[in-house]
Amino acid sequence: MSRFSRGYLRVFCFLLLVPAFVIGDCTCENEEQDRNKSEALKYKAAAIAAILVAGAIGVCLPILGKFIPALNPEKNIFFIIKAFAAGVILSTGFIHVLPDAFESLTSPCLNENPWGKFPFTGFVAMVSAIGTLMVDAFATSYYTKSHGQVRNIAGDEEKTEEDGGFHTHATHDHSHCSGLIENSASPELLRHRVISQVLELGIVVHSVIIGISLGASQSPKTIRPLVAALTFHQFFEGMGLGGCICQAKFKGRVMAIMALFFSLTTPIGIGIGIGISNAYNENSPTALIVEGIFNSASAGILIYMALVDLLAADFMNPKVQVNGKLQIGVNLSLLLGAGLMSLLAKWA
């Protein structure tokens, strides 16, 4: 198993432990009045199927761009679609995840000291945004330096070839290393690789929390609007992530792992929620604290990634800057994506 695959496995195992943290003793009454376990289970099954399909289609569409010319990252339409998806991700952070975190960490079910005496939600979101910046910078620096070493090795082999030693072997290795540098080590490509992995981490964290909350709910009235809202959300969030994965030009196996990981996260979260629904109380202090902190951290990551790594990078792209029509298109697409996702907050 590769180091990349092991890393994803560790994250997945950690997220599976979240339910153990959020099962706690009840201190506040659960406000759900329309509890209907059998009807709710039908909606949960529909949610798993719809979200799984929507997420898979959304994340795979940009990856299949080489087979669909219109979705190629070099085409203008790709910038417009990605701006829409970035608007969805930005709205998810500001309108959906962050308010939920505020609601959890300011709940009357929590002790006044310390939760009522300090704005933990904003603090955790700020720290996670700063942490994302640091990870972003350090990861890019690490990859740049590591590929710089490859460049030095290629240079040494070129000198060896010029000196007449091991001519055939050096020529082969030099060509290989030059290809590696050209295809894998450009600064722009390294940035896309870091961006795609950090963005997926932020998306996965809040997707698990959303899935567990939906799966643990016994209220059809609560679940019904969430099915449509989360299906829409998962599709366009997948488009944004898929665009980043596509631009990162990972190998096919890595792309498949990242796409599968994204597609399965929310459905698995719903399955976990169903499994712990009898013991889970969303108003217990433990559940509120864990959900609030995770949602705050996720909001910070998503807001940073949407503004800095998706929107700023694309809006300042020379291809967009020199094309007035494309500039208008990406701005309108951003507003449309953010607006529609914000509108969904009325039901979800």
Foldseek 3Di string as FASTA:
>chain_A
DDPLVVVLVVLVVVLLCLVVQQQDDDDDDFPDDQFDQVVLVVLLVLLLVLLLVLLLCQQCVLLCCVVVVCSDPVHLVVLLLLLLLLLLLQLCLVQPLLVLLQCLLCPPLDDCPPSVPDSVLQVLLVVLLVVLVVLLVVQLVVLQVVLVVLVVVLVVLVVCCVVPPPVVVSVVSNVVSVVCCVPARDSQLSSLVSLLVLLLSLLLLVLLVVLLVSLLDRHCLQSVLVSVLSSVSSNSNSNNSSNSVNSNPDDPVSSVVSSNSSSCRNSVSSVVNNVCNVRGDCSNSSNSVSSSSSSSSSSSSSNSSSPPVRVVVSCPPPVNVVDPVSNVSSVVSSCVSNVVSSVSSVND
